[in-house]
Amino acid sequence: MEKQETLRISGWYLPPAEKEIFRLIAQAGFNHIFLQGDRIGNGCGKEEVLDRYLSLCDDFGLRALVQLGDVPMSETLPILLRLREHPSWSGVMVFDEPPADRFEDLCCLYEHFFREGKLGEFFVNLFPSYARSESIIHDYAAYVRSFAAGLNRVGGRGEWLSFDHYPLIYDEQGEFALSEHWLDDLRTVAETGKRFGMPQNAFIQAMPFSNGEQSYGSRDRIPGFAELSLQAYACLAFGFRSLTYFCLGTPLVNEEFLEKHYAIFDRTGAPTPTFSAVKTLNAEIRAFESVFCRLGWTDAFLLGPGSAAVSGLQTETDGQVLIGCLTGTEDEGWILLNFGEPSREPVKTVRFRASE
């Protein structure tokens, strides 16, 4: 994979294939998109539909990962090779949330179809730690390391290391809260990616899902700008180079997605209130991405309340803050984040200075 000069800001699940919609996607700061066809109603398992979406990506300077669902790679190879002629082609999303017993098969797929760059990126998205224990071999760090090590053994160093942990939930009292182990998962993926030379992608919870309403653990919440920012900056504090919004378009109604739910675009393709928040956040991030991408991630610390000294900084805060530390050949940088449930902890006071 070539040295990354910009952050990848992507969206999962497609709105309708209309020119004006894709113009808005590009204007909102996206440079990447997922074209998935996994039995969720968007029709992207069909070659002609993928072709139309890729043509729109061509027109607006977006790159795209294609997913054809459960069809064997050997059967879809002629289609994929033809679609790769599009300038927007980025690669293939090979599997979403594989159990550990699929890793060997996935590595074989990489060896046969990707190692020489024939199909571009080999993209697999891993489970979060709250997945079924048998899927993550009872140890989340071991699960992530096992995938990364296996892919490295077959020449996959430099491919993306991706996972999805959606942290915006309701607690036992039916109040807004953040899920446990979210930061632990970010650290696990960040440290594993650094060890194996794999840049990292994380999914951002940009819409409600599940029909639990305010029951414990439900993610039936509409994220506002503060909730989106919290997720994005936490990922950046751990050095992630790719952010994927879940979802870009609004999925069809099913057991997870209700009629009232909406994503960045609604089911008709109209931008929702979330669109404005995402556009503002993406512009904010794009303003410093060139500096961010010149630096390498060193570590991240959850501090406070109180005083602490970390990575050349003296800090004093009246609540929890997350500090991501980045270094380059001649420069240092920090990501400083008010960490906590935004509805209860909207403001914190932090004093910090660089040590001499």
Protein backbone atom coordinates (compact mmCIF):
# COMPACT_ATOMS: atom_id res chain seq x y z
CA MET A 1 0.00 0.00 0.00
CA GLU A 2 1.37 3.43 -0.91
CA LYS A 3 2.23 5.99 1.76
CA GLN A 4 -0.99 7.69 2.79
CA GLU A 5 -1.06 11.46 2.38
CA THR A 6 -4.73 11.96 3.26
CA LEU A 7 -7.18 10.39 5.65
CA ARG A 8 -9.69 8.00 4.17
CA ILE A 9 -13.21 9.08 5.10
CA SER A 10 -15.73 6.54 3.92
CA GLY A 11 -19.36 5.53 4.16
CA TRP A 12 -21.04 2.12 4.36
CA TYR A 13 -24.41 1.29 2.81
CA LEU A 14 -25.38 3.19 -0.28
CA PRO A 15 -28.00 5.84 -0.90
CA PRO A 16 -29.67 5.76 -4.35
CA ALA A 17 -27.37 5.95 -7.39
CA GLU A 18 -28.13 9.54 -8.33
CA LYS A 19 -25.69 12.18 -9.52
CA GLU A 20 -26.82 14.91 -7.12
CA ILE A 21 -26.50 12.55 -4.14
CA PHE A 22 -22.93 11.68 -5.08
CA ARG A 23 -22.13 15.35 -5.57
CA LEU A 24 -23.25 15.92 -1.97
CA ILE A 25 -21.19 12.96 -0.75
CA ALA A 26 -18.04 14.42 -2.30
CA GLN A 27 -18.86 17.93 -1.03
CA ALA A 28 -19.27 16.54 2.50
CA GLY A 29 -15.61 15.51 2.61
CA PHE A 30 -15.86 11.83 1.70
CA ASN A 31 -13.18 10.35 -0.55
CA HIS A 32 -14.20 6.71 -0.32
CA ILE A 33 -17.29 4.50 -0.32
CA PHE A 34 -18.29 0.86 0.19
CA LEU A 35 -20.29 -0.85 -2.56
CA GLN A 36 -21.71 -3.82 -0.73
CA GLY A 37 -24.16 -6.50 -1.78
CA ASP A 38 -24.87 -8.67 1.24
CA ARG A 39 -28.60 -9.35 1.15
CA ILE A 40 -29.63 -6.04 2.73
CA GLY A 41 -31.69 -4.72 -0.11
CA ASN A 42 -29.50 -2.33 -2.06
CA GLY A 43 -29.04 -4.57 -5.12
CA CYS A 44 -25.26 -4.24 -5.22
CA GLY A 45 -24.76 -7.92 -5.89
CA LYS A 46 -25.58 -7.18 -9.52
CA GLU A 47 -22.82 -6.26 -11.93
CA GLU A 48 -24.81 -3.56 -13.71
CA VAL A 49 -25.64 -1.86 -10.39
CA LEU A 50 -22.02 -1.90 -9.28
CA ASP A 51 -21.03 -0.52 -12.67
CA ARG A 52 -23.43 2.41 -12.26
CA TYR A 53 -22.18 3.20 -8.76
CA LEU A 54 -18.53 3.00 -9.83
CA SER A 55 -19.24 5.37 -12.71
CA LEU A 56 -20.65 7.90 -10.24
CA CYS A 57 -17.56 7.44 -8.07
CA ASP A 58 -15.43 8.05 -11.18
CA ASP A 59 -17.26 11.31 -11.84
CA PHE A 60 -16.79 12.69 -8.31
CA GLY A 61 -13.31 11.48 -7.42
CA LEU A 62 -14.36 8.82 -4.91
CA ARG A 63 -12.60 5.49 -4.47
CA ALA A 64 -14.66 2.35 -3.85
CA LEU A 65 -14.42 -1.09 -2.28
CA VAL A 66 -16.72 -3.70 -3.85
CA GLN A 67 -18.37 -6.52 -1.92
CA LEU A 68 -20.29 -9.26 -3.73
CA GLY A 69 -21.52 -11.18 -0.72
CA ASP A 70 -21.13 -14.93 -0.38
CA VAL A 71 -20.36 -15.75 -4.03
CA PRO A 72 -17.03 -17.64 -4.35
CA MET A 73 -14.19 -15.44 -5.51
CA SER A 74 -13.33 -17.80 -8.36
CA GLU A 75 -16.82 -17.28 -9.82
CA THR A 76 -16.78 -13.49 -9.50
CA LEU A 77 -13.19 -12.95 -10.70
CA PRO A 78 -14.13 -12.08 -14.32
CA ILE A 79 -16.67 -9.51 -13.07
CA LEU A 80 -14.19 -8.01 -10.61
CA LEU A 81 -11.45 -7.74 -13.23
CA ARG A 82 -13.79 -5.90 -15.57
CA LEU A 83 -15.03 -3.56 -12.85
CA ARG A 84 -11.43 -2.84 -11.89
CA GLU A 85 -11.11 -0.83 -15.09
CA HIS A 86 -12.96 2.01 -13.32
CA PRO A 87 -10.59 4.72 -12.00
CA SER A 88 -12.51 4.64 -8.72
CA TRP A 89 -11.72 0.97 -8.07
CA SER A 90 -9.99 0.52 -4.71
CA GLY A 91 -10.33 -3.20 -4.05
CA VAL A 92 -12.63 -5.82 -2.56
CA MET A 93 -14.32 -6.03 0.81
CA VAL A 94 -13.79 -9.75 1.21
CA PHE A 95 -15.54 -10.46 4.52
CA ASP A 96 -17.44 -8.55 7.19
CA GLU A 97 -16.92 -9.83 10.75
CA PRO A 98 -15.27 -13.23 10.23
CA PRO A 99 -15.04 -15.73 13.09
CA ALA A 100 -11.50 -16.80 13.87
CA ASP A 101 -11.95 -20.17 12.18
CA ARG A 102 -12.28 -18.38 8.83
CA PHE A 103 -8.87 -16.70 9.00
CA GLU A 104 -7.00 -19.51 7.26
CA ASP A 105 -9.46 -19.47 4.34
CA LEU A 106 -9.17 -15.70 4.07
CA CYS A 107 -5.38 -15.89 3.95
CA CYS A 108 -5.65 -18.45 1.16
CA LEU A 109 -7.90 -16.04 -0.75
CA TYR A 110 -5.28 -13.36 -0.36
CA GLU A 111 -2.55 -15.65 -1.68
CA HIS A 112 -4.56 -16.69 -4.74
CA PHE A 113 -6.22 -13.43 -5.76
CA PHE A 114 -4.54 -10.42 -4.12
CA ARG A 115 -0.85 -10.91 -3.41
CA GLU A 116 0.30 -9.62 -6.79
CA GLY A 117 -2.09 -6.69 -6.64
CA LYS A 118 -4.49 -8.18 -9.19
CA LEU A 119 -7.61 -7.00 -7.37
CA GLY A 120 -6.30 -4.07 -5.35
CA GLU A 121 -7.01 -3.83 -1.63
CA PHE A 122 -7.92 -6.90 0.38
CA PHE A 123 -10.33 -5.55 2.99
CA VAL A 124 -11.70 -7.55 5.93
CA ASN A 125 -13.64 -5.97 8.80
CA LEU A 126 -13.24 -7.68 12.18
CA PHE A 127 -15.68 -8.17 15.04
CA PRO A 128 -15.66 -5.89 18.13
CA SER A 129 -14.91 -7.40 21.53
CA TYR A 130 -18.60 -7.63 22.45
CA ALA A 131 -19.19 -10.24 19.71
CA ARG A 132 -19.90 -13.88 20.53
CA SER A 133 -16.98 -15.36 22.46
CA GLU A 134 -16.55 -18.27 20.05
CA SER A 135 -16.07 -15.76 17.24
CA ILE A 136 -13.20 -13.98 18.97
CA ILE A 137 -11.52 -17.07 20.48
CA HIS A 138 -12.22 -15.85 24.05
CA ASP A 139 -9.51 -13.17 23.84
CA TYR A 140 -10.05 -10.11 21.67
CA ALA A 141 -6.37 -9.18 21.43
CA ALA A 142 -5.55 -12.74 20.36
CA TYR A 143 -8.35 -12.63 17.76
CA VAL A 144 -7.03 -9.41 16.18
CA ARG A 145 -3.38 -10.52 16.35
CA SER A 146 -4.22 -13.88 14.80
CA PHE A 147 -5.75 -12.22 11.76
CA ALA A 148 -2.94 -9.69 11.34
CA ALA A 149 -0.20 -12.28 11.79
CA GLY A 150 -1.82 -14.70 9.34
CA LEU A 151 -2.23 -12.04 6.68
CA ASN A 152 1.36 -10.88 7.17
CA ARG A 153 2.63 -14.44 6.69
CA VAL A 154 1.12 -14.57 3.20
CA GLY A 155 2.40 -11.13 2.17
CA GLY A 156 -0.45 -8.94 3.39
CA ARG A 157 1.59 -6.35 5.28
CA GLY A 158 0.15 -2.93 4.48
CA GLU A 159 -3.47 -4.04 4.09
CA TRP A 160 -6.09 -2.34 6.28
CA LEU A 161 -6.84 -3.60 9.78
CA SER A 162 -10.49 -2.73 10.40
CA PHE A 163 -13.08 -3.31 13.13
CA ASP A 164 -16.49 -1.99 14.19
CA HIS A 165 -17.34 -1.18 17.79
CA TYR A 166 -20.39 1.08 18.16
CA PRO A 167 -20.08 2.81 21.54
CA LEU A 168 -23.28 4.88 21.84
CA ILE A 169 -25.67 2.88 24.03
CA TYR A 170 -28.22 3.14 26.85
CA ASP A 171 -27.10 2.14 30.34
CA GLU A 172 -29.02 0.13 32.94
CA GLN A 173 -30.99 3.22 33.97
CA GLY A 174 -32.06 3.90 30.39
CA GLU A 175 -29.70 6.89 30.10
CA PHE A 176 -27.18 7.70 27.36
CA ALA A 177 -23.81 6.02 27.96
CA LEU A 178 -20.66 4.73 26.27
CA SER A 179 -20.05 1.01 25.93
CA GLU A 180 -17.38 -0.71 27.97
CA HIS A 181 -14.10 -1.72 26.34
CA TRP A 182 -14.44 0.70 23.41
CA LEU A 183 -11.11 2.37 24.15
CA ASP A 184 -9.57 -1.04 24.87
CA ASP A 185 -10.63 -2.20 21.41
CA LEU A 186 -9.22 0.94 19.80
CA ARG A 187 -5.91 0.32 21.57
CA THR A 188 -5.85 -3.35 20.61
CA VAL A 189 -6.36 -2.59 16.92
CA ALA A 190 -3.96 0.39 16.99
CA GLU A 191 -1.14 -1.54 18.64
CA THR A 192 -1.67 -4.59 16.45
CA GLY A 193 -1.70 -2.47 13.30
CA LYS A 194 1.50 -0.72 14.36
CA ARG A 195 3.20 -4.05 15.12
CA PHE A 196 2.26 -5.64 11.79
CA GLY A 197 2.52 -2.59 9.54
CA MET A 198 -1.21 -2.33 8.83
CA PRO A 199 -3.04 1.04 8.81
CA GLN A 200 -6.30 0.98 10.75
CA ASN A 201 -9.95 1.70 9.95
CA ALA A 202 -12.78 2.11 12.46
CA PHE A 203 -16.51 2.41 11.91
CA ILE A 204 -18.35 5.41 13.39
CA GLN A 205 -21.89 4.98 14.69
CA ALA A 206 -23.77 7.58 12.66
CA MET A 207 -27.35 6.32 13.04
CA PRO A 208 -29.63 4.46 15.45
CA PHE A 209 -30.09 0.73 15.15
CA SER A 210 -31.69 -2.11 17.14
CA ASN A 211 -35.28 -2.03 18.31
CA GLY A 212 -34.50 -2.01 22.01
CA GLU A 213 -35.38 1.68 22.43
CA GLN A 214 -34.03 2.67 25.88
CA SER A 215 -33.24 -0.83 27.15
CA TYR A 216 -29.73 -1.59 28.43
CA GLY A 217 -27.20 -1.92 25.64
CA SER A 218 -29.52 -0.63 22.92
CA ARG A 219 -27.94 1.54 20.23
CA ASP A 220 -31.23 3.17 19.31
CA ARG A 221 -29.71 6.67 19.51
CA ILE A 222 -29.50 9.50 16.98
CA PRO A 223 -25.87 10.73 17.12
CA GLY A 224 -25.41 14.48 17.01
CA PHE A 225 -22.26 16.45 16.23
CA ALA A 226 -20.82 15.86 19.72
CA GLU A 227 -21.30 12.08 19.53
CA LEU A 228 -19.83 11.90 16.02
CA SER A 229 -16.85 14.08 17.04
CA LEU A 230 -16.20 11.97 20.13
CA GLN A 231 -15.88 8.85 18.00
CA ALA A 232 -13.82 10.41 15.21
CA TYR A 233 -11.31 12.12 17.48
CA ALA A 234 -10.93 9.05 19.69
CA CYS A 235 -9.97 7.08 16.57
CA LEU A 236 -7.52 9.80 15.53
CA ALA A 237 -6.04 9.83 19.04
CA PHE A 238 -5.11 6.18 18.45
CA GLY A 239 -3.61 6.96 15.04
CA PHE A 240 -6.34 5.53 12.82
CA ARG A 241 -5.98 6.63 9.16
CA SER A 242 -9.48 5.68 8.00
CA LEU A 243 -12.96 6.41 9.36
CA THR A 244 -16.11 4.76 7.99
CA TYR A 245 -19.55 6.12 8.83
CA PHE A 246 -22.24 3.54 9.56
CA CYS A 247 -24.40 4.28 7.71
CA LEU A 248 -24.21 6.59 4.69
CA GLY A 249 -27.57 5.60 3.23
CA THR A 250 -30.43 4.32 5.40
CA PRO A 251 -30.96 0.54 5.20
CA LEU A 252 -34.35 -1.00 4.55
CA VAL A 253 -36.60 -1.67 7.53
CA ASN A 254 -35.79 -4.97 9.23
CA GLU A 255 -35.20 -6.37 12.73
CA GLU A 256 -32.35 -3.85 13.30
CA PHE A 257 -33.45 -0.76 11.39
CA LEU A 258 -36.84 0.75 12.12
CA GLU A 259 -39.01 3.02 9.98
CA LYS A 260 -38.11 6.01 12.19
CA HIS A 261 -34.35 5.46 11.88
CA TYR A 262 -32.23 7.47 9.48
CA ALA A 263 -28.57 7.72 8.49
CA ILE A 264 -26.67 10.51 6.69
CA PHE A 265 -29.12 10.17 3.77
CA ASP A 266 -32.66 8.90 4.27
CA ARG A 267 -34.28 6.08 2.29
CA THR A 268 -35.30 8.45 -0.51
CA GLY A 269 -31.75 9.81 -0.80
CA ALA A 270 -32.45 13.15 0.88
CA PRO A 271 -29.79 14.48 3.27
CA THR A 272 -30.83 14.28 6.93
CA PRO A 273 -29.79 16.46 9.89
CA THR A 274 -26.88 14.04 10.35
CA PHE A 275 -25.55 15.07 6.93
CA SER A 276 -24.87 18.61 8.11
CA ALA A 277 -23.08 17.39 11.26
CA VAL A 278 -20.93 14.96 9.27
CA LYS A 279 -20.05 17.59 6.65
CA THR A 280 -18.94 20.01 9.37
CA LEU A 281 -16.91 17.34 11.18
CA ASN A 282 -15.23 16.12 7.99
CA ALA A 283 -14.23 19.68 7.06
CA GLU A 284 -12.76 20.14 10.53
CA ILE A 285 -10.69 16.98 10.17
CA ARG A 286 -9.62 17.74 6.60
CA ALA A 287 -8.21 21.08 7.82
CA PHE A 288 -5.38 19.33 9.71
CA GLU A 289 -5.10 15.98 7.93
CA SER A 290 -1.87 16.88 6.07
CA VAL A 291 -0.11 17.47 9.40
CA PHE A 292 -1.71 14.40 10.98
CA CYS A 293 -0.62 12.14 8.12
CA ARG A 294 3.01 13.28 8.41
CA LEU A 295 3.14 12.01 11.98
CA GLY A 296 3.15 8.49 13.35
CA TRP A 297 1.10 7.30 16.31
CA THR A 298 3.07 6.79 19.53
CA ASP A 299 0.53 6.21 22.29
CA ALA A 300 -2.74 7.39 23.84
CA PHE A 301 -3.60 8.14 27.46
CA LEU A 302 -6.88 8.53 29.35
CA LEU A 303 -6.21 11.10 32.08
CA GLY A 304 -7.94 12.92 34.90
CA PRO A 305 -9.31 14.42 36.82
CA GLY A 306 -6.10 15.81 38.29
CA SER A 307 -2.54 16.45 37.15
CA ALA A 308 -0.34 14.23 35.03
CA ALA A 309 2.76 14.30 32.86
CA VAL A 310 2.66 12.31 29.62
CA SER A 311 4.76 12.37 26.48
CA GLY A 312 6.23 15.80 27.04
CA LEU A 313 2.99 17.37 28.29
CA GLN A 314 2.09 18.65 31.75
CA THR A 315 -1.68 18.45 32.13
CA GLU A 316 -4.31 19.45 34.68
CA THR A 317 -7.99 18.71 34.10
CA ASP A 318 -11.27 18.65 36.02
CA GLY A 319 -12.49 15.50 34.22
CA GLN A 320 -11.42 12.69 31.95
CA VAL A 321 -9.55 13.62 28.77
CA LEU A 322 -8.00 11.43 26.11
CA ILE A 323 -4.63 12.49 24.69
CA GLY A 324 -3.22 10.89 21.56
CA CYS A 325 0.51 11.37 21.01
CA LEU A 326 2.05 11.54 17.53
CA THR A 327 5.64 12.08 16.42
CA GLY A 328 7.45 12.71 13.17
CA THR A 329 11.01 13.28 12.03
CA GLU A 330 11.02 16.86 13.28
CA ASP A 331 7.56 17.43 14.77
CA GLU A 332 5.28 16.30 17.57
CA GLY A 333 1.52 16.48 17.74
CA TRP A 334 -1.29 15.75 20.17
CA ILE A 335 -4.98 14.98 19.82
CA LEU A 336 -6.77 16.29 22.91
CA LEU A 337 -10.32 15.04 23.48
CA ASN A 338 -13.00 15.63 26.10
CA PHE A 339 -13.78 11.98 26.87
CA GLY A 340 -17.16 11.00 28.27
CA GLU A 341 -20.84 10.80 27.44
CA PRO A 342 -21.47 14.13 25.64
CA SER A 343 -24.96 14.59 27.10
CA ARG A 344 -23.56 14.58 30.65
CA GLU A 345 -20.02 15.90 30.18
CA PRO A 346 -20.21 18.57 27.48
CA VAL A 347 -17.48 20.82 28.90
CA LYS A 348 -14.20 20.21 30.74
CA THR A 349 -11.38 22.55 31.66
CA VAL A 350 -7.89 21.43 30.68
CA ARG A 351 -4.57 23.20 31.18
CA PHE A 352 -1.51 21.81 29.50
CA ARG A 353 1.91 22.89 28.42
CA ALA A 354 4.78 21.23 26.63
CA SER A 355 7.68 20.32 28.88
CA GLU A 356 10.90 22.18 28.19
